Amino acid sequence: MEQALRSGEPVVVQNALLKWGNSVWSDDPPQGLEKIGERILELKKGIKFLNSALYGNHQNGNSLEELKNDFCGMSFAEIKNKKNDHETMLPPLYPE
């Protein structure tokens, strides 16, 4: 993923981020970039910039710098906690 971010190519980053999301949540893969942003709020703003680079008027790698910084700033432990948070988002079937 970090190599894709260094490339500065929005399509490469998109594909790598989706592949990464599928590996992190293999039992419930996110259906698109926005779903990754909903699961890891620290990446939401950077994903917005990525979508802008992919589909908007900002077709340059500079707009991906924030996503790169946010992604690289996260530790594996934080990502694992986010994964566990997502898995426990459902309310209990029989609340006390």
PDB file of N, CA and C in Angstrom:
ATOM      1  N   MET A   1       0.823  -1.188   0.000  1.00  0.00           N
ATOM      2  CA  MET A   1       0.000   0.000   0.000  1.00  0.00           C
ATOM      3  C   MET A   1       0.867   1.252   0.000  1.00  0.00           C
ATOM      4  N   GLU A   2       1.910   1.235   0.820  1.00  0.00           N
ATOM      5  CA  GLU A   2       2.779   2.417   0.890  1.00  0.00           C
ATOM      6  C   GLU A   2       3.467   2.681  -0.446  1.00  0.00           C
ATOM      7  N   GLN A   3       3.825   1.623  -1.158  1.00  0.00           N
ATOM      8  CA  GLN A   3       4.454   1.788  -2.468  1.00  0.00           C
ATOM      9  C   GLN A   3       3.468   2.438  -3.444  1.00  0.00           C
ATOM     10  N   ALA A   4       2.212   2.031  -3.390  1.00  0.00           N
ATOM     11  CA  ALA A   4       1.197   2.628  -4.255  1.00  0.00           C
ATOM     12  C   ALA A   4       1.027   4.106  -3.930  1.00  0.00           C
ATOM     13  N   LEU A   5       1.032   4.441  -2.650  1.00  0.00           N
ATOM     14  CA  LEU A   5       0.904   5.841  -2.251  1.00  0.00           C
ATOM     15  C   LEU A   5       2.089   6.666  -2.739  1.00  0.00           C
ATOM     16  N   ARG A   6       3.270   6.082  -2.706  1.00  0.00           N
ATOM     17  CA  ARG A   6       4.460   6.796  -3.194  1.00  0.00           C
ATOM     18  C   ARG A   6       4.397   7.029  -4.699  1.00  0.00           C
ATOM     19  N   SER A   7       3.698   6.146  -5.416  1.00  0.00           N
ATOM     20  CA  SER A   7       3.615   6.293  -6.870  1.00  0.00           C
ATOM     21  C   SER A   7       2.884   7.566  -7.263  1.00  0.00           C
ATOM     22  N   GLY A   8       1.937   8.001  -6.431  1.00  0.00           N
ATOM     23  CA  GLY A   8       1.177   9.209  -6.743  1.00  0.00           C
ATOM     24  C   GLY A   8       0.130   9.014  -7.819  1.00  0.00           C
ATOM     25  N   GLU A   9      -0.061   7.792  -8.286  1.00  0.00           N
ATOM     26  CA  GLU A   9      -1.050   7.493  -9.321  1.00  0.00           C
ATOM     27  C   GLU A   9      -2.374   7.135  -8.646  1.00  0.00           C
ATOM     28  N   PRO A  10      -3.419   7.963  -8.815  1.00  0.00           N
ATOM     29  CA  PRO A  10      -4.687   7.720  -8.134  1.00  0.00           C
ATOM     30  C   PRO A  10      -5.285   6.328  -8.376  1.00  0.00           C
ATOM     31  N   VAL A  11      -5.234   5.826  -9.593  1.00  0.00           N
ATOM     32  CA  VAL A  11      -5.816   4.514  -9.889  1.00  0.00           C
ATOM     33  C   VAL A  11      -5.040   3.409  -9.173  1.00  0.00           C
ATOM     34  N   VAL A  12      -3.727   3.537  -9.134  1.00  0.00           N
ATOM     35  CA  VAL A  12      -2.885   2.559  -8.435  1.00  0.00           C
ATOM     36  C   VAL A  12      -3.211   2.583  -6.945  1.00  0.00           C
ATOM     37  N   VAL A  13      -3.366   3.776  -6.382  1.00  0.00           N
ATOM     38  CA  VAL A  13      -3.690   3.916  -4.961  1.00  0.00           C
ATOM     39  C   VAL A  13      -5.072   3.332  -4.679  1.00  0.00           C
ATOM     40  N   GLN A  14      -6.024   3.621  -5.539  1.00  0.00           N
ATOM     41  CA  GLN A  14      -7.379   3.089  -5.370  1.00  0.00           C
ATOM     42  C   GLN A  14      -7.359   1.556  -5.333  1.00  0.00           C
ATOM     43  N   ASN A  15      -6.718   0.956  -6.299  1.00  0.00           N
ATOM     44  CA  ASN A  15      -6.661  -0.511  -6.359  1.00  0.00           C
ATOM     45  C   ASN A  15      -5.959  -1.095  -5.135  1.00  0.00           C
ATOM     46  N   ALA A  16      -4.862  -0.474  -4.725  1.00  0.00           N
ATOM     47  CA  ALA A  16      -4.123  -0.966  -3.563  1.00  0.00           C
ATOM     48  C   ALA A  16      -4.936  -0.804  -2.282  1.00  0.00           C
ATOM     49  N   LEU A  17      -5.644   0.308  -2.146  1.00  0.00           N
ATOM     50  CA  LEU A  17      -6.444   0.543  -0.949  1.00  0.00           C
ATOM     51  C   LEU A  17      -7.602  -0.448  -0.863  1.00  0.00           C
ATOM     52  N   LEU A  18      -8.241  -0.726  -1.988  1.00  0.00           N
ATOM     53  CA  LEU A  18      -9.323  -1.712  -1.989  1.00  0.00           C
ATOM     54  C   LEU A  18      -8.796  -3.109  -1.673  1.00  0.00           C
ATOM     55  N   LYS A  19      -7.658  -3.442  -2.238  1.00  0.00           N
ATOM     56  CA  LYS A  19      -7.052  -4.746  -1.955  1.00  0.00           C
ATOM     57  C   LYS A  19      -6.654  -4.838  -0.485  1.00  0.00           C
ATOM     58  N   TRP A  20      -6.087  -3.771   0.054  1.00  0.00           N
ATOM     59  CA  TRP A  20      -5.715  -3.727   1.454  1.00  0.00           C
ATOM     60  C   TRP A  20      -6.956  -3.889   2.334  1.00  0.00           C
ATOM     61  N   GLY A  21      -8.025  -3.161   2.020  1.00  0.00           N
ATOM     62  CA  GLY A  21      -9.265  -3.269   2.795  1.00  0.00           C
ATOM     63  C   GLY A  21      -9.829  -4.681   2.780  1.00  0.00           C
ATOM     64  N   ASN A  22      -9.742  -5.335   1.632  1.00  0.00           N
ATOM     65  CA  ASN A  22     -10.218  -6.713   1.529  1.00  0.00           C
ATOM     66  C   ASN A  22      -9.386  -7.652   2.382  1.00  0.00           C
ATOM     67  N   SER A  23      -8.095  -7.367   2.534  1.00  0.00           N
ATOM     68  CA  SER A  23      -7.254  -8.236   3.361  1.00  0.00           C
ATOM     69  C   SER A  23      -7.473  -7.965   4.851  1.00  0.00           C
ATOM     70  N   VAL A  24      -7.729  -6.717   5.215  1.00  0.00           N
ATOM     71  CA  VAL A  24      -7.963  -6.383   6.620  1.00  0.00           C
ATOM     72  C   VAL A  24      -9.303  -6.943   7.090  1.00  0.00           C
ATOM     73  N   TRP A  25     -10.334  -6.783   6.265  1.00  0.00           N
ATOM     74  CA  TRP A  25     -11.673  -7.259   6.613  1.00  0.00           C
ATOM     75  C   TRP A  25     -12.074  -8.383   5.671  1.00  0.00           C
ATOM     76  N   SER A  26     -11.311  -9.460   5.686  1.00  0.00           N
ATOM     77  CA  SER A  26     -11.558 -10.554   4.745  1.00  0.00           C
ATOM     78  C   SER A  26     -12.927 -11.187   4.942  1.00  0.00           C
ATOM     79  N   ASP A  27     -13.456 -11.156   6.164  1.00  0.00           N
ATOM     80  CA  ASP A  27     -14.769 -11.737   6.414  1.00  0.00           C
ATOM     81  C   ASP A  27     -15.908 -10.796   6.031  1.00  0.00           C
ATOM     82  N   ASP A  28     -15.638  -9.499   5.910  1.00  0.00           N
ATOM     83  CA  ASP A  28     -16.648  -8.508   5.537  1.00  0.00           C
ATOM     84  C   ASP A  28     -15.961  -7.374   4.783  1.00  0.00           C
ATOM     85  N   PRO A  29     -15.508  -7.640   3.543  1.00  0.00           N
ATOM     86  CA  PRO A  29     -14.743  -6.620   2.809  1.00  0.00           C
ATOM     87  C   PRO A  29     -15.573  -5.366   2.525  1.00  0.00           C
ATOM     88  N   PRO A  30     -14.952  -4.197   2.619  1.00  0.00           N
ATOM     89  CA  PRO A  30     -15.662  -2.947   2.324  1.00  0.00           C
ATOM     90  C   PRO A  30     -16.006  -2.866   0.843  1.00  0.00           C
ATOM     91  N   GLN A  31     -17.190  -2.378   0.560  1.00  0.00           N
ATOM     92  CA  GLN A  31     -17.655  -2.250  -0.821  1.00  0.00           C
ATOM     93  C   GLN A  31     -17.383  -0.846  -1.343  1.00  0.00           C
ATOM     94  N   GLY A  32     -16.126  -0.522  -1.496  1.00  0.00           N
ATOM     95  CA  GLY A  32     -15.743   0.771  -2.034  1.00  0.00           C
ATOM     96  C   GLY A  32     -14.879   1.563  -1.065  1.00  0.00           C
ATOM     97  N   LEU A  33     -14.278   2.606  -1.595  1.00  0.00           N
ATOM     98  CA  LEU A  33     -13.371   3.436  -0.808  1.00  0.00           C
ATOM     99  C   LEU A  33     -14.080   4.125   0.353  1.00  0.00           C
ATOM    100  N   GLU A  34     -15.312   4.595   0.121  1.00  0.00           N
ATOM    101  CA  GLU A  34     -16.039   5.307   1.163  1.00  0.00           C
ATOM    102  C   GLU A  34     -16.259   4.425   2.380  1.00  0.00           C
ATOM    103  N   LYS A  35     -16.476   3.146   2.161  1.00  0.00           N
ATOM    104  CA  LYS A  35     -16.701   2.218   3.280  1.00  0.00           C
ATOM    105  C   LYS A  35     -15.430   2.058   4.114  1.00  0.00           C
ATOM    106  N   ILE A  36     -14.279   2.127   3.469  1.00  0.00           N
ATOM    107  CA  ILE A  36     -13.022   2.092   4.227  1.00  0.00           C
ATOM    108  C   ILE A  36     -12.932   3.346   5.089  1.00  0.00           C
ATOM    109  N   GLY A  37     -13.294   4.491   4.520  1.00  0.00           N
ATOM    110  CA  GLY A  37     -13.295   5.748   5.267  1.00  0.00           C
ATOM    111  C   GLY A  37     -14.269   5.738   6.429  1.00  0.00           C
ATOM    112  N   GLU A  38     -15.381   5.031   6.287  1.00  0.00           N
ATOM    113  CA  GLU A  38     -16.336   4.924   7.386  1.00  0.00           C
ATOM    114  C   GLU A  38     -15.791   4.031   8.498  1.00  0.00           C
ATOM    115  N   ARG A  39     -14.991   3.050   8.125  1.00  0.00           N
ATOM    116  CA  ARG A  39     -14.441   2.131   9.123  1.00  0.00           C
ATOM    117  C   ARG A  39     -13.204   2.704   9.806  1.00  0.00           C
ATOM    118  N   ILE A  40     -12.419   3.481   9.074  1.00  0.00           N
ATOM    119  CA  ILE A  40     -11.220   4.115   9.646  1.00  0.00           C
ATOM    120  C   ILE A  40     -11.339   5.609   9.374  1.00  0.00           C
ATOM    121  N   LEU A  41     -11.899   6.310  10.344  1.00  0.00           N
ATOM    122  CA  LEU A  41     -12.195   7.730  10.159  1.00  0.00           C
ATOM    123  C   LEU A  41     -10.953   8.556   9.868  1.00  0.00           C
ATOM    124  N   GLU A  42      -9.783   8.105  10.341  1.00  0.00           N
ATOM    125  CA  GLU A  42      -8.546   8.840  10.071  1.00  0.00           C
ATOM    126  C   GLU A  42      -8.218   8.895   8.583  1.00  0.00           C
ATOM    127  N   LEU A  43      -8.759   7.976   7.799  1.00  0.00           N
ATOM    128  CA  LEU A  43      -8.484   7.940   6.360  1.00  0.00           C
ATOM    129  C   LEU A  43      -9.582   8.605   5.528  1.00  0.00           C
ATOM    130  N   LYS A  44     -10.674   8.981   6.166  1.00  0.00           N
ATOM    131  CA  LYS A  44     -11.843   9.483   5.428  1.00  0.00           C
ATOM    132  C   LYS A  44     -11.517  10.718   4.581  1.00  0.00           C
ATOM    133  N   LYS A  45     -10.819  11.676   5.158  1.00  0.00           N
ATOM    134  CA  LYS A  45     -10.496  12.909   4.423  1.00  0.00           C
ATOM    135  C   LYS A  45      -9.558  12.608   3.252  1.00  0.00           C
ATOM    136  N   GLY A  46      -8.553  11.768   3.486  1.00  0.00           N
ATOM    137  CA  GLY A  46      -7.629  11.396   2.418  1.00  0.00           C
ATOM    138  C   GLY A  46      -8.332  10.641   1.299  1.00  0.00           C
ATOM    139  N   ILE A  47      -9.307   9.801   1.658  1.00  0.00           N
ATOM    140  CA  ILE A  47     -10.072   9.072   0.639  1.00  0.00           C
ATOM    141  C   ILE A  47     -10.915  10.038  -0.180  1.00  0.00           C
ATOM    142  N   LYS A  48     -11.406  11.094   0.464  1.00  0.00           N
ATOM    143  CA  LYS A  48     -12.149  12.122  -0.272  1.00  0.00           C
ATOM    144  C   LYS A  48     -11.241  12.774  -1.318  1.00  0.00           C
ATOM    145  N   PHE A  49      -9.997  13.061  -0.928  1.00  0.00           N
ATOM    146  CA  PHE A  49      -9.041  13.633  -1.880  1.00  0.00           C
ATOM    147  C   PHE A  49      -8.719  12.643  -3.002  1.00  0.00           C
ATOM    148  N   LEU A  50      -8.621  11.367  -2.658  1.00  0.00           N
ATOM    149  CA  LEU A  50      -8.373  10.349  -3.675  1.00  0.00           C
ATOM    150  C   LEU A  50      -9.523  10.309  -4.671  1.00  0.00           C
ATOM    151  N   ASN A  51     -10.756  10.331  -4.181  1.00  0.00           N
ATOM    152  CA  ASN A  51     -11.910  10.344  -5.085  1.00  0.00           C
ATOM    153  C   ASN A  51     -11.906  11.589  -5.961  1.00  0.00           C
ATOM    154  N   SER A  52     -11.488  12.701  -5.387  1.00  0.00           N
ATOM    155  CA  SER A  52     -11.386  13.938  -6.168  1.00  0.00           C
ATOM    156  C   SER A  52     -10.341  13.791  -7.275  1.00  0.00           C
ATOM    157  N   ALA A  53      -9.233  13.144  -6.936  1.00  0.00           N
ATOM    158  CA  ALA A  53      -8.190  12.922  -7.942  1.00  0.00           C
ATOM    159  C   ALA A  53      -8.660  11.951  -9.013  1.00  0.00           C
ATOM    160  N   LEU A  54      -9.462  10.970  -8.620  1.00  0.00           N
ATOM    161  CA  LEU A  54      -9.948   9.965  -9.577  1.00  0.00           C
ATOM    162  C   LEU A  54     -11.038  10.514 -10.485  1.00  0.00           C
ATOM    163  N   TYR A  55     -11.965  11.270  -9.905  1.00  0.00           N
ATOM    164  CA  TYR A  55     -13.174  11.631 -10.646  1.00  0.00           C
ATOM    165  C   TYR A  55     -13.393  13.118 -10.804  1.00  0.00           C
ATOM    166  N   GLY A  56     -12.577  13.939 -10.148  1.00  0.00           N
ATOM    167  CA  GLY A  56     -12.799  15.374 -10.195  1.00  0.00           C
ATOM    168  C   GLY A  56     -11.779  16.099 -11.032  1.00  0.00           C
ATOM    169  N   ASN A  57     -11.613  17.347 -10.706  1.00  0.00           N
ATOM    170  CA  ASN A  57     -10.709  18.225 -11.451  1.00  0.00           C
ATOM    171  C   ASN A  57      -9.295  18.227 -10.910  1.00  0.00           C
ATOM    172  N   HIS A  58      -9.044  17.558  -9.796  1.00  0.00           N
ATOM    173  CA  HIS A  58      -7.727  17.577  -9.167  1.00  0.00           C
ATOM    174  C   HIS A  58      -6.981  16.298  -9.508  1.00  0.00           C
ATOM    175  N   GLN A  59      -6.539  16.172 -10.718  1.00  0.00           N
ATOM    176  CA  GLN A  59      -5.922  14.950 -11.218  1.00  0.00           C
ATOM    177  C   GLN A  59      -4.409  14.936 -11.013  1.00  0.00           C
ATOM    178  N   ASN A  60      -3.952  15.298  -9.821  1.00  0.00           N
ATOM    179  CA  ASN A  60      -2.507  15.239  -9.590  1.00  0.00           C
ATOM    180  C   ASN A  60      -2.199  14.488  -8.307  1.00  0.00           C
ATOM    181  N   GLY A  61      -0.988  14.012  -8.197  1.00  0.00           N
ATOM    182  CA  GLY A  61      -0.573  13.218  -7.051  1.00  0.00           C
ATOM    183  C   GLY A  61      -0.451  14.009  -5.770  1.00  0.00           C
ATOM    184  N   ASN A  62      -0.358  15.343  -5.855  1.00  0.00           N
ATOM    185  CA  ASN A  62      -0.206  16.148  -4.656  1.00  0.00           C
ATOM    186  C   ASN A  62      -1.415  16.035  -3.740  1.00  0.00           C
ATOM    187  N   SER A  63      -2.593  15.798  -4.305  1.00  0.00           N
ATOM    188  CA  SER A  63      -3.795  15.696  -3.484  1.00  0.00           C
ATOM    189  C   SER A  63      -3.800  14.412  -2.664  1.00  0.00           C
ATOM    190  N   LEU A  64      -2.908  13.469  -2.967  1.00  0.00           N
ATOM    191  CA  LEU A  64      -2.849  12.209  -2.238  1.00  0.00           C
ATOM    192  C   LEU A  64      -1.914  12.276  -1.033  1.00  0.00           C
ATOM    193  N   GLU A  65      -1.250  13.397  -0.863  1.00  0.00           N
ATOM    194  CA  GLU A  65      -0.273  13.520   0.223  1.00  0.00           C
ATOM    195  C   GLU A  65      -0.916  13.315   1.595  1.00  0.00           C
ATOM    196  N   GLU A  66      -2.124  13.838   1.780  1.00  0.00           N
ATOM    197  CA  GLU A  66      -2.794  13.692   3.078  1.00  0.00           C
ATOM    198  C   GLU A  66      -3.134  12.228   3.360  1.00  0.00           C
ATOM    199  N   LEU A  67      -3.634  11.517   2.365  1.00  0.00           N
ATOM    200  CA  LEU A  67      -3.929  10.098   2.540  1.00  0.00           C
ATOM    201  C   LEU A  67      -2.655   9.331   2.878  1.00  0.00           C
ATOM    202  N   LYS A  68      -1.582   9.656   2.183  1.00  0.00           N
ATOM    203  CA  LYS A  68      -0.294   8.999   2.441  1.00  0.00           C
ATOM    204  C   LYS A  68       0.153   9.248   3.878  1.00  0.00           C
ATOM    205  N   ASN A  69       0.075  10.480   4.330  1.00  0.00           N
ATOM    206  CA  ASN A  69       0.496  10.818   5.688  1.00  0.00           C
ATOM    207  C   ASN A  69      -0.378  10.130   6.727  1.00  0.00           C
ATOM    208  N   ASP A  70      -1.691  10.134   6.507  1.00  0.00           N
ATOM    209  CA  ASP A  70      -2.604   9.510   7.464  1.00  0.00           C
ATOM    210  C   ASP A  70      -2.402   8.001   7.506  1.00  0.00           C
ATOM    211  N   PHE A  71      -2.263   7.387   6.342  1.00  0.00           N
ATOM    212  CA  PHE A  71      -2.101   5.935   6.289  1.00  0.00           C
ATOM    213  C   PHE A  71      -0.779   5.521   6.932  1.00  0.00           C
ATOM    214  N   CYS A  72       0.287   6.194   6.564  1.00  0.00           N
ATOM    215  CA  CYS A  72       1.609   5.840   7.088  1.00  0.00           C
ATOM    216  C   CYS A  72       1.723   6.153   8.576  1.00  0.00           C
ATOM    217  N   GLY A  73       0.914   7.085   9.075  1.00  0.00           N
ATOM    218  CA  GLY A  73       0.946   7.441  10.486  1.00  0.00           C
ATOM    219  C   GLY A  73       0.226   6.451  11.383  1.00  0.00           C
ATOM    220  N   MET A  74      -0.559   5.569  10.792  1.00  0.00           N
ATOM    221  CA  MET A  74      -1.290   4.584  11.586  1.00  0.00           C
ATOM    222  C   MET A  74      -0.419   3.363  11.834  1.00  0.00           C
ATOM    223  N   SER A  75      -0.526   2.829  13.018  1.00  0.00           N
ATOM    224  CA  SER A  75       0.216   1.616  13.343  1.00  0.00           C
ATOM    225  C   SER A  75      -0.657   0.395  13.077  1.00  0.00           C
ATOM    226  N   PHE A  76      -0.032  -0.747  13.001  1.00  0.00           N
ATOM    227  CA  PHE A  76      -0.767  -1.992  12.788  1.00  0.00           C
ATOM    228  C   PHE A  76      -1.758  -2.223  13.928  1.00  0.00           C
ATOM    229  N   ALA A  77      -1.373  -1.869  15.154  1.00  0.00           N
ATOM    230  CA  ALA A  77      -2.254  -2.047  16.311  1.00  0.00           C
ATOM    231  C   ALA A  77      -3.515  -1.200  16.168  1.00  0.00           C
ATOM    232  N   GLU A  78      -3.364   0.034  15.677  1.00  0.00           N
ATOM    233  CA  GLU A  78      -4.531   0.897  15.472  1.00  0.00           C
ATOM    234  C   GLU A  78      -5.472   0.302  14.434  1.00  0.00           C
ATOM    235  N   ILE A  79      -4.909  -0.218  13.361  1.00  0.00           N
ATOM    236  CA  ILE A  79      -5.716  -0.815  12.301  1.00  0.00           C
ATOM    237  C   ILE A  79      -6.463  -2.026  12.844  1.00  0.00           C
ATOM    238  N   LYS A  80      -5.782  -2.835  13.630  1.00  0.00           N
ATOM    239  CA  LYS A  80      -6.416  -4.016  14.212  1.00  0.00           C
ATOM    240  C   LYS A  80      -7.554  -3.600  15.136  1.00  0.00           C
ATOM    241  N   ASN A  81      -7.356  -2.542  15.931  1.00  0.00           N
ATOM    242  CA  ASN A  81      -8.422  -2.056  16.805  1.00  0.00           C
ATOM    243  C   ASN A  81      -9.609  -1.554  16.000  1.00  0.00           C
ATOM    244  N   LYS A  82      -9.348  -0.872  14.892  1.00  0.00           N
ATOM    245  CA  LYS A  82     -10.436  -0.391  14.039  1.00  0.00           C
ATOM    246  C   LYS A  82     -11.212  -1.569  13.471  1.00  0.00           C
ATOM    247  N   LYS A  83     -10.496  -2.615  13.116  1.00  0.00           N
ATOM    248  CA  LYS A  83     -11.153  -3.811  12.593  1.00  0.00           C
ATOM    249  C   LYS A  83     -12.068  -4.394  13.658  1.00  0.00           C
ATOM    250  N   ASN A  84     -11.574  -4.503  14.881  1.00  0.00           N
ATOM    251  CA  ASN A  84     -12.380  -5.047  15.969  1.00  0.00           C
ATOM    252  C   ASN A  84     -13.549  -4.137  16.302  1.00  0.00           C
ATOM    253  N   ASP A  85     -13.358  -2.818  16.246  1.00  0.00           N
ATOM    254  CA  ASP A  85     -14.458  -1.878  16.491  1.00  0.00           C
ATOM    255  C   ASP A  85     -15.574  -2.097  15.489  1.00  0.00           C
ATOM    256  N   HIS A  86     -15.206  -2.294  14.225  1.00  0.00           N
ATOM    257  CA  HIS A  86     -16.206  -2.506  13.179  1.00  0.00           C
ATOM    258  C   HIS A  86     -16.987  -3.787  13.447  1.00  0.00           C
ATOM    259  N   GLU A  87     -16.315  -4.810  13.910  1.00  0.00           N
ATOM    260  CA  GLU A  87     -16.978  -6.081  14.152  1.00  0.00           C
ATOM    261  C   GLU A  87     -17.941  -6.010  15.320  1.00  0.00           C
ATOM    262  N   THR A  88     -17.751  -5.063  16.235  1.00  0.00           N
ATOM    263  CA  THR A  88     -18.626  -4.958  17.393  1.00  0.00           C
ATOM    264  C   THR A  88     -19.632  -3.825  17.254  1.00  0.00           C
ATOM    265  N   MET A  89     -19.817  -3.292  16.069  1.00  0.00           N
ATOM    266  CA  MET A  89     -20.740  -2.188  15.871  1.00  0.00           C
ATOM    267  C   MET A  89     -22.198  -2.610  15.998  1.00  0.00           C
ATOM    268  N   LEU A  90     -22.501  -3.854  15.756  1.00  0.00           N
ATOM    269  CA  LEU A  90     -23.878  -4.307  15.859  1.00  0.00           C
ATOM    270  C   LEU A  90     -24.312  -4.345  17.316  1.00  0.00           C
ATOM    271  N   PRO A  91     -25.538  -3.904  17.590  1.00  0.00           N
ATOM    272  CA  PRO A  91     -26.012  -3.999  18.971  1.00  0.00           C
ATOM    273  C   PRO A  91     -26.245  -5.446  19.340  1.00  0.00           C
ATOM    274  N   PRO A  92     -26.207  -5.769  20.613  1.00  0.00           N
ATOM    275  CA  PRO A  92     -26.434  -7.149  21.015  1.00  0.00           C
ATOM    276  C   PRO A  92     -27.860  -7.592  20.642  1.00  0.00           C
ATOM    277  N   LEU A  93     -27.991  -8.851  20.342  1.00  0.00           N
ATOM    278  CA  LEU A  93     -29.281  -9.386  19.939  1.00  0.00           C
ATOM    279  C   LEU A  93     -30.303  -9.304  21.077  1.00  0.00           C
ATOM    280  N   TYR A  94     -29.857  -9.603  22.291  1.00  0.00           N
ATOM    281  CA  TYR A  94     -30.735  -9.554  23.458  1.00  0.00           C
ATOM    282  C   TYR A  94     -30.111  -8.628  24.502  1.00  0.00           C
ATOM    283  N   PRO A  95     -30.341  -7.324  24.391  1.00  0.00           N
ATOM    284  CA  PRO A  95     -29.740  -6.397  25.353  1.00  0.00           C
ATOM    285  C   PRO A  95     -30.278  -6.664  26.762  1.00  0.00           C
ATOM    286  N   GLU A  96     -29.473  -6.360  27.728  1.00  0.00           N
ATOM    287  CA  GLU A  96     -29.859  -6.617  29.122  1.00  0.00           C
ATOM    288  C   GLU A  96     -30.900  -5.659  29.611  1.00  0.00           C
TER     289      GLU A  96
END
